[in-house]
Amino acid sequence: MATSSGRSIRLALAQDRPALILLDVLMPPLNGFDVCEALRRNNRTRTKPTVFLSNLDFEENVKMSLALGASDYLVNPVAAPGSWA
């Protein structure tokens, strides 16, 4: 399931139960941090693994996402191990 905005994630999660939630920092009109915070407050999504995948590689973004309860923060583009050799 893919959504195009931070607002649409609430409706999508009411209809589906994903095993993993991928967020970007930039998800207009909300941002991924706001969405992650809302997911952690919701009993249905509190324990769902949540990973940020973003091209914003600022250390502050990584720290903020982990402080909000994200499982990990990956910087896009993500390369498969050994693909750069």
PDB file of N, CA and C in Angstrom:
ATOM      1  N   MET A   1       0.840  -1.155   0.000  1.00  0.00           N
ATOM      2  CA  MET A   1       0.000   0.000   0.000  1.00  0.00           C
ATOM      3  C   MET A   1       0.891   1.224   0.000  1.00  0.00           C
ATOM      4  N   ALA A   2       0.591   2.163  -0.858  1.00  0.00           N
ATOM      5  CA  ALA A   2       1.347   3.409  -0.914  1.00  0.00           C
ATOM      6  C   ALA A   2       0.384   4.569  -0.786  1.00  0.00           C
ATOM      7  N   THR A   3       0.813   5.593  -0.092  1.00  0.00           N
ATOM      8  CA  THR A   3       0.003   6.790   0.021  1.00  0.00           C
ATOM      9  C   THR A   3       0.819   7.966  -0.464  1.00  0.00           C
ATOM     10  N   SER A   4       0.128   9.008  -0.883  1.00  0.00           N
ATOM     11  CA  SER A   4       0.834  10.139  -1.463  1.00  0.00           C
ATOM     12  C   SER A   4       1.026  11.297  -0.497  1.00  0.00           C
ATOM     13  N   SER A   5       0.455  11.221   0.685  1.00  0.00           N
ATOM     14  CA  SER A   5       0.610  12.321   1.629  1.00  0.00           C
ATOM     15  C   SER A   5       0.535  11.807   3.057  1.00  0.00           C
ATOM     16  N   GLY A   6       0.981  12.654   3.961  1.00  0.00           N
ATOM     17  CA  GLY A   6       0.916  12.302   5.369  1.00  0.00           C
ATOM     18  C   GLY A   6      -0.499  12.139   5.873  1.00  0.00           C
ATOM     19  N   ARG A   7      -1.437  12.909   5.338  1.00  0.00           N
ATOM     20  CA  ARG A   7      -2.830  12.821   5.783  1.00  0.00           C
ATOM     21  C   ARG A   7      -3.478  11.513   5.363  1.00  0.00           C
ATOM     22  N   SER A   8      -3.120  11.008   4.192  1.00  0.00           N
ATOM     23  CA  SER A   8      -3.788   9.806   3.691  1.00  0.00           C
ATOM     24  C   SER A   8      -3.360   8.546   4.437  1.00  0.00           C
ATOM     25  N   ILE A   9      -2.294   8.626   5.216  1.00  0.00           N
ATOM     26  CA  ILE A   9      -1.825   7.430   5.924  1.00  0.00           C
ATOM     27  C   ILE A   9      -2.840   6.970   6.964  1.00  0.00           C
ATOM     28  N   ARG A  10      -3.550   7.881   7.601  1.00  0.00           N
ATOM     29  CA  ARG A  10      -4.537   7.509   8.623  1.00  0.00           C
ATOM     30  C   ARG A  10      -5.656   6.666   8.018  1.00  0.00           C
ATOM     31  N   LEU A  11      -6.174   7.082   6.874  1.00  0.00           N
ATOM     32  CA  LEU A  11      -7.220   6.326   6.196  1.00  0.00           C
ATOM     33  C   LEU A  11      -6.688   4.974   5.724  1.00  0.00           C
ATOM     34  N   ALA A  12      -5.492   4.957   5.164  1.00  0.00           N
ATOM     35  CA  ALA A  12      -4.910   3.716   4.658  1.00  0.00           C
ATOM     36  C   ALA A  12      -4.697   2.710   5.784  1.00  0.00           C
ATOM     37  N   LEU A  13      -4.248   3.160   6.931  1.00  0.00           N
ATOM     38  CA  LEU A  13      -4.004   2.249   8.046  1.00  0.00           C
ATOM     39  C   LEU A  13      -5.297   1.732   8.658  1.00  0.00           C
ATOM     40  N   ALA A  14      -6.386   2.461   8.482  1.00  0.00           N
ATOM     41  CA  ALA A  14      -7.681   1.979   8.964  1.00  0.00           C
ATOM     42  C   ALA A  14      -8.183   0.827   8.102  1.00  0.00           C
ATOM     43  N   GLN A  15      -7.722   0.770   6.852  1.00  0.00           N
ATOM     44  CA  GLN A  15      -8.179  -0.246   5.910  1.00  0.00           C
ATOM     45  C   GLN A  15      -7.209  -1.418   5.781  1.00  0.00           C
ATOM     46  N   ASP A  16      -5.961  -1.229   6.126  1.00  0.00           N
ATOM     47  CA  ASP A  16      -4.938  -2.246   5.909  1.00  0.00           C
ATOM     48  C   ASP A  16      -4.071  -2.350   7.161  1.00  0.00           C
ATOM     49  N   ARG A  17      -3.418  -3.476   7.323  1.00  0.00           N
ATOM     50  CA  ARG A  17      -2.508  -3.665   8.464  1.00  0.00           C
ATOM     51  C   ARG A  17      -1.136  -4.055   7.944  1.00  0.00           C
ATOM     52  N   PRO A  18      -0.336  -3.076   7.565  1.00  0.00           N
ATOM     53  CA  PRO A  18       0.979  -3.378   6.991  1.00  0.00           C
ATOM     54  C   PRO A  18       1.934  -3.953   8.031  1.00  0.00           C
ATOM     55  N   ALA A  19       2.889  -4.730   7.545  1.00  0.00           N
ATOM     56  CA  ALA A  19       3.913  -5.288   8.423  1.00  0.00           C
ATOM     57  C   ALA A  19       5.014  -4.269   8.694  1.00  0.00           C
ATOM     58  N   LEU A  20       5.159  -3.297   7.803  1.00  0.00           N
ATOM     59  CA  LEU A  20       6.218  -2.296   7.893  1.00  0.00           C
ATOM     60  C   LEU A  20       5.686  -0.988   7.340  1.00  0.00           C
ATOM     61  N   ILE A  21       6.056   0.114   7.968  1.00  0.00           N
ATOM     62  CA  ILE A  21       5.649   1.431   7.496  1.00  0.00           C
ATOM     63  C   ILE A  21       6.897   2.200   7.088  1.00  0.00           C
ATOM     64  N   LEU A  22       6.925   2.655   5.825  1.00  0.00           N
ATOM     65  CA  LEU A  22       8.012   3.487   5.313  1.00  0.00           C
ATOM     66  C   LEU A  22       7.528   4.927   5.251  1.00  0.00           C
ATOM     67  N   LEU A  23       8.332   5.834   5.787  1.00  0.00           N
ATOM     68  CA  LEU A  23       7.999   7.254   5.774  1.00  0.00           C
ATOM     69  C   LEU A  23       9.141   8.056   5.186  1.00  0.00           C
ATOM     70  N   ASP A  24       8.790   9.158   4.560  1.00  0.00           N
ATOM     71  CA  ASP A  24       9.790  10.142   4.145  1.00  0.00           C
ATOM     72  C   ASP A  24       9.659  11.317   5.101  1.00  0.00           C
ATOM     73  N   VAL A  25      10.692  12.107   5.232  1.00  0.00           N
ATOM     74  CA  VAL A  25      10.601  13.310   6.050  1.00  0.00           C
ATOM     75  C   VAL A  25       9.626  14.284   5.391  1.00  0.00           C
ATOM     76  N   LEU A  26       9.703  14.403   4.058  1.00  0.00           N
ATOM     77  CA  LEU A  26       8.868  15.336   3.307  1.00  0.00           C
ATOM     78  C   LEU A  26       7.637  14.615   2.781  1.00  0.00           C
ATOM     79  N   MET A  27       6.493  14.840   3.437  1.00  0.00           N
ATOM     80  CA  MET A  27       5.223  14.218   3.045  1.00  0.00           C
ATOM     81  C   MET A  27       4.130  15.280   3.133  1.00  0.00           C
ATOM     82  N   PRO A  28       4.175  16.289   2.259  1.00  0.00           N
ATOM     83  CA  PRO A  28       3.221  17.396   2.373  1.00  0.00           C
ATOM     84  C   PRO A  28       1.778  16.911   2.381  1.00  0.00           C
ATOM     85  N   PRO A  29       0.915  17.532   3.120  1.00  0.00           N
ATOM     86  CA  PRO A  29       1.104  18.764   3.877  1.00  0.00           C
ATOM     87  C   PRO A  29       1.675  18.542   5.270  1.00  0.00           C
ATOM     88  N   LEU A  30       1.745  17.297   5.728  1.00  0.00           N
ATOM     89  CA  LEU A  30       2.411  17.002   7.000  1.00  0.00           C
ATOM     90  C   LEU A  30       3.838  16.579   6.705  1.00  0.00           C
ATOM     91  N   ASN A  31       4.623  16.361   7.731  1.00  0.00           N
ATOM     92  CA  ASN A  31       5.944  15.773   7.510  1.00  0.00           C
ATOM     93  C   ASN A  31       5.989  14.405   8.186  1.00  0.00           C
ATOM     94  N   GLY A  32       6.989  13.636   7.826  1.00  0.00           N
ATOM     95  CA  GLY A  32       7.106  12.280   8.353  1.00  0.00           C
ATOM     96  C   GLY A  32       7.243  12.215   9.856  1.00  0.00           C
ATOM     97  N   PHE A  33       7.842  13.241  10.452  1.00  0.00           N
ATOM     98  CA  PHE A  33       7.979  13.259  11.902  1.00  0.00           C
ATOM     99  C   PHE A  33       6.607  13.331  12.573  1.00  0.00           C
ATOM    100  N   ASP A  34       5.730  14.184  12.035  1.00  0.00           N
ATOM    101  CA  ASP A  34       4.375  14.299  12.584  1.00  0.00           C
ATOM    102  C   ASP A  34       3.612  12.989  12.434  1.00  0.00           C
ATOM    103  N   VAL A  35       3.761  12.355  11.271  1.00  0.00           N
ATOM    104  CA  VAL A  35       3.083  11.082  11.021  1.00  0.00           C
ATOM    105  C   VAL A  35       3.609  10.016  11.972  1.00  0.00           C
ATOM    106  N   CYS A  36       4.927   9.945  12.149  1.00  0.00           N
ATOM    107  CA  CYS A  36       5.525   8.959  13.048  1.00  0.00           C
ATOM    108  C   CYS A  36       5.036   9.162  14.476  1.00  0.00           C
ATOM    109  N   GLU A  37       4.971  10.403  14.901  1.00  0.00           N
ATOM    110  CA  GLU A  37       4.483  10.699  16.246  1.00  0.00           C
ATOM    111  C   GLU A  37       3.033  10.241  16.415  1.00  0.00           C
ATOM    112  N   ALA A  38       2.207  10.484  15.403  1.00  0.00           N
ATOM    113  CA  ALA A  38       0.810  10.048  15.456  1.00  0.00           C
ATOM    114  C   ALA A  38       0.707   8.529  15.460  1.00  0.00           C
ATOM    115  N   LEU A  39       1.560   7.862  14.710  1.00  0.00           N
ATOM    116  CA  LEU A  39       1.557   6.398  14.687  1.00  0.00           C
ATOM    117  C   LEU A  39       1.897   5.829  16.059  1.00  0.00           C
ATOM    118  N   ARG A  40       2.805   6.446  16.771  1.00  0.00           N
ATOM    119  CA  ARG A  40       3.211   5.961  18.090  1.00  0.00           C
ATOM    120  C   ARG A  40       2.140   6.214  19.148  1.00  0.00           C
ATOM    121  N   ARG A  41       1.265   7.177  18.922  1.00  0.00           N
ATOM    122  CA  ARG A  41       0.167   7.447  19.857  1.00  0.00           C
ATOM    123  C   ARG A  41      -1.029   6.528  19.624  1.00  0.00           C
ATOM    124  N   ASN A  42      -1.085   5.867  18.473  1.00  0.00           N
ATOM    125  CA  ASN A  42      -2.217   5.021  18.103  1.00  0.00           C
ATOM    126  C   ASN A  42      -1.950   3.589  18.557  1.00  0.00           C
ATOM    127  N   ASN A  43      -2.883   2.999  19.288  1.00  0.00           N
ATOM    128  CA  ASN A  43      -2.704   1.630  19.792  1.00  0.00           C
ATOM    129  C   ASN A  43      -2.500   0.600  18.684  1.00  0.00           C
ATOM    130  N   ARG A  44      -3.142   0.785  17.528  1.00  0.00           N
ATOM    131  CA  ARG A  44      -3.026  -0.178  16.420  1.00  0.00           C
ATOM    132  C   ARG A  44      -1.673  -0.123  15.731  1.00  0.00           C
ATOM    133  N   THR A  45      -1.015   1.029  15.775  1.00  0.00           N
ATOM    134  CA  THR A  45       0.233   1.188  15.025  1.00  0.00           C
ATOM    135  C   THR A  45       1.450   1.445  15.915  1.00  0.00           C
ATOM    136  N   ARG A  46       1.230   1.477  17.209  1.00  0.00           N
ATOM    137  CA  ARG A  46       2.308   1.816  18.150  1.00  0.00           C
ATOM    138  C   ARG A  46       3.544   0.928  17.989  1.00  0.00           C
ATOM    139  N   THR A  47       3.336  -0.359  17.755  1.00  0.00           N
ATOM    140  CA  THR A  47       4.463  -1.292  17.699  1.00  0.00           C
ATOM    141  C   THR A  47       4.871  -1.673  16.274  1.00  0.00           C
ATOM    142  N   LYS A  48       4.240  -1.077  15.265  1.00  0.00           N
ATOM    143  CA  LYS A  48       4.601  -1.393  13.878  1.00  0.00           C
ATOM    144  C   LYS A  48       5.999  -0.864  13.578  1.00  0.00           C
ATOM    145  N   PRO A  49       6.846  -1.682  12.962  1.00  0.00           N
ATOM    146  CA  PRO A  49       8.159  -1.181  12.554  1.00  0.00           C
ATOM    147  C   PRO A  49       7.987  -0.029  11.566  1.00  0.00           C
ATOM    148  N   THR A  50       8.650   1.066  11.857  1.00  0.00           N
ATOM    149  CA  THR A  50       8.548   2.262  11.032  1.00  0.00           C
ATOM    150  C   THR A  50       9.953   2.691  10.638  1.00  0.00           C
ATOM    151  N   VAL A  51      10.174   2.822   9.336  1.00  0.00           N
ATOM    152  CA  VAL A  51      11.494   3.176   8.807  1.00  0.00           C
ATOM    153  C   VAL A  51      11.365   4.429   7.959  1.00  0.00           C
ATOM    154  N   PHE A  52      12.245   5.375   8.189  1.00  0.00           N
ATOM    155  CA  PHE A  52      12.327   6.552   7.328  1.00  0.00           C
ATOM    156  C   PHE A  52      13.251   6.233   6.163  1.00  0.00           C
ATOM    157  N   LEU A  53      12.832   6.616   4.976  1.00  0.00           N
ATOM    158  CA  LEU A  53      13.636   6.478   3.757  1.00  0.00           C
ATOM    159  C   LEU A  53      13.603   7.842   3.094  1.00  0.00           C
ATOM    160  N   SER A  54      14.703   8.565   3.161  1.00  0.00           N
ATOM    161  CA  SER A  54      14.708   9.945   2.704  1.00  0.00           C
ATOM    162  C   SER A  54      16.042  10.304   2.073  1.00  0.00           C
ATOM    163  N   ASN A  55      16.028  11.290   1.192  1.00  0.00           N
ATOM    164  CA  ASN A  55      17.287  11.781   0.644  1.00  0.00           C
ATOM    165  C   ASN A  55      17.869  12.893   1.516  1.00  0.00           C
ATOM    166  N   LEU A  56      17.192  13.223   2.602  1.00  0.00           N
ATOM    167  CA  LEU A  56      17.696  14.208   3.552  1.00  0.00           C
ATOM    168  C   LEU A  56      18.574  13.500   4.576  1.00  0.00           C
ATOM    169  N   ASP A  57      19.876  13.659   4.439  1.00  0.00           N
ATOM    170  CA  ASP A  57      20.798  12.908   5.292  1.00  0.00           C
ATOM    171  C   ASP A  57      21.365  13.737   6.439  1.00  0.00           C
ATOM    172  N   PHE A  58      20.572  14.683   6.931  1.00  0.00           N
ATOM    173  CA  PHE A  58      21.020  15.504   8.046  1.00  0.00           C
ATOM    174  C   PHE A  58      20.970  14.705   9.337  1.00  0.00           C
ATOM    175  N   GLU A  59      22.007  14.814  10.130  1.00  0.00           N
ATOM    176  CA  GLU A  59      22.086  14.073  11.392  1.00  0.00           C
ATOM    177  C   GLU A  59      20.898  14.377  12.303  1.00  0.00           C
ATOM    178  N   GLU A  60      20.411  15.620  12.263  1.00  0.00           N
ATOM    179  CA  GLU A  60      19.274  15.995  13.101  1.00  0.00           C
ATOM    180  C   GLU A  60      18.030  15.187  12.733  1.00  0.00           C
ATOM    181  N   ASN A  61      17.840  14.911  11.436  1.00  0.00           N
ATOM    182  CA  ASN A  61      16.684  14.129  10.991  1.00  0.00           C
ATOM    183  C   ASN A  61      16.761  12.699  11.506  1.00  0.00           C
ATOM    184  N   VAL A  62      17.951  12.134  11.466  1.00  0.00           N
ATOM    185  CA  VAL A  62      18.136  10.767  11.960  1.00  0.00           C
ATOM    186  C   VAL A  62      17.822  10.715  13.453  1.00  0.00           C
ATOM    187  N   LYS A  63      18.384  11.641  14.208  1.00  0.00           N
ATOM    188  CA  LYS A  63      18.154  11.677  15.653  1.00  0.00           C
ATOM    189  C   LYS A  63      16.682  11.882  15.982  1.00  0.00           C
ATOM    190  N   MET A  64      16.020  12.782  15.252  1.00  0.00           N
ATOM    191  CA  MET A  64      14.604  13.066  15.504  1.00  0.00           C
ATOM    192  C   MET A  64      13.750  11.839  15.222  1.00  0.00           C
ATOM    193  N   SER A  65      13.996  11.161  14.106  1.00  0.00           N
ATOM    194  CA  SER A  65      13.177   9.995  13.760  1.00  0.00           C
ATOM    195  C   SER A  65      13.340   8.884  14.794  1.00  0.00           C
ATOM    196  N   LEU A  66      14.554   8.641  15.240  1.00  0.00           N
ATOM    197  CA  LEU A  66      14.790   7.603  16.242  1.00  0.00           C
ATOM    198  C   LEU A  66      14.194   7.990  17.594  1.00  0.00           C
ATOM    199  N   ALA A  67      14.250   9.268  17.936  1.00  0.00           N
ATOM    200  CA  ALA A  67      13.660   9.735  19.189  1.00  0.00           C
ATOM    201  C   ALA A  67      12.136   9.578  19.177  1.00  0.00           C
ATOM    202  N   LEU A  68      11.534   9.653  17.990  1.00  0.00           N
ATOM    203  CA  LEU A  68      10.080   9.497  17.866  1.00  0.00           C
ATOM    204  C   LEU A  68       9.656   8.038  17.824  1.00  0.00           C
ATOM    205  N   GLY A  69      10.623   7.123  17.800  1.00  0.00           N
ATOM    206  CA  GLY A  69      10.284   5.705  17.833  1.00  0.00           C
ATOM    207  C   GLY A  69      10.448   4.961  16.532  1.00  0.00           C
ATOM    208  N   ALA A  70      11.044   5.597  15.515  1.00  0.00           N
ATOM    209  CA  ALA A  70      11.288   4.893  14.260  1.00  0.00           C
ATOM    210  C   ALA A  70      12.300   3.774  14.488  1.00  0.00           C
ATOM    211  N   SER A  71      12.162   2.715  13.720  1.00  0.00           N
ATOM    212  CA  SER A  71      13.077   1.575  13.832  1.00  0.00           C
ATOM    213  C   SER A  71      14.425   1.878  13.194  1.00  0.00           C
ATOM    214  N   ASP A  72      14.407   2.679  12.116  1.00  0.00           N
ATOM    215  CA  ASP A  72      15.649   2.996  11.413  1.00  0.00           C
ATOM    216  C   ASP A  72      15.427   4.195  10.508  1.00  0.00           C
ATOM    217  N   TYR A  73      16.531   4.721   9.969  1.00  0.00           N
ATOM    218  CA  TYR A  73      16.512   5.843   9.031  1.00  0.00           C
ATOM    219  C   TYR A  73      17.499   5.504   7.935  1.00  0.00           C
ATOM    220  N   LEU A  74      17.004   5.341   6.713  1.00  0.00           N
ATOM    221  CA  LEU A  74      17.848   5.014   5.573  1.00  0.00           C
ATOM    222  C   LEU A  74      17.934   6.211   4.652  1.00  0.00           C
ATOM    223  N   VAL A  75      19.140   6.463   4.144  1.00  0.00           N
ATOM    224  CA  VAL A  75      19.329   7.575   3.227  1.00  0.00           C
ATOM    225  C   VAL A  75      19.203   7.057   1.801  1.00  0.00           C
ATOM    226  N   ASN A  76      18.340   7.694   1.036  1.00  0.00           N
ATOM    227  CA  ASN A  76      18.077   7.347  -0.349  1.00  0.00           C
ATOM    228  C   ASN A  76      19.094   8.052  -1.244  1.00  0.00           C
ATOM    229  N   PRO A  77      19.664   7.444  -2.248  1.00  0.00           N
ATOM    230  CA  PRO A  77      19.362   6.084  -2.714  1.00  0.00           C
ATOM    231  C   PRO A  77      20.070   5.035  -1.868  1.00  0.00           C
ATOM    232  N   VAL A  78      19.365   3.950  -1.631  1.00  0.00           N
ATOM    233  CA  VAL A  78      19.906   2.843  -0.880  1.00  0.00           C
ATOM    234  C   VAL A  78      20.500   1.863  -1.891  1.00  0.00           C
ATOM    235  N   ALA A  79      21.735   1.481  -1.682  1.00  0.00           N
ATOM    236  CA  ALA A  79      22.402   0.557  -2.595  1.00  0.00           C
ATOM    237  C   ALA A  79      22.471  -0.823  -1.955  1.00  0.00           C
ATOM    238  N   ALA A  80      22.261  -1.818  -2.752  1.00  0.00           N
ATOM    239  CA  ALA A  80      22.395  -3.196  -2.259  1.00  0.00           C
ATOM    240  C   ALA A  80      23.854  -3.466  -1.926  1.00  0.00           C
ATOM    241  N   PRO A  81      24.119  -4.256  -0.875  1.00  0.00           N
ATOM    242  CA  PRO A  81      25.500  -4.578  -0.525  1.00  0.00           C
ATOM    243  C   PRO A  81      26.250  -5.159  -1.729  1.00  0.00           C
ATOM    244  N   GLY A  82      27.419  -4.609  -1.985  1.00  0.00           N
ATOM    245  CA  GLY A  82      28.252  -5.087  -3.076  1.00  0.00           C
ATOM    246  C   GLY A  82      27.951  -4.473  -4.414  1.00  0.00           C
ATOM    247  N   SER A  83      26.863  -3.704  -4.547  1.00  0.00           N
ATOM    248  CA  SER A  83      26.508  -3.142  -5.846  1.00  0.00           C
ATOM    249  C   SER A  83      27.394  -1.972  -6.238  1.00  0.00           C
ATOM    250  N   TRP A  84      28.133  -1.415  -5.318  1.00  0.00           N
ATOM    251  CA  TRP A  84      28.997  -0.292  -5.627  1.00  0.00           C
ATOM    252  C   TRP A  84      30.407  -0.732  -6.034  1.00  0.00           C
ATOM    253  N   ALA A  85      30.685  -2.007  -5.920  1.00  0.00           N
ATOM    254  CA  ALA A  85      32.036  -2.507  -6.245  1.00  0.00           C
ATOM    255  C   ALA A  85      32.191  -2.765  -7.718  1.00  0.00           C
TER     256      ALA A  85
END
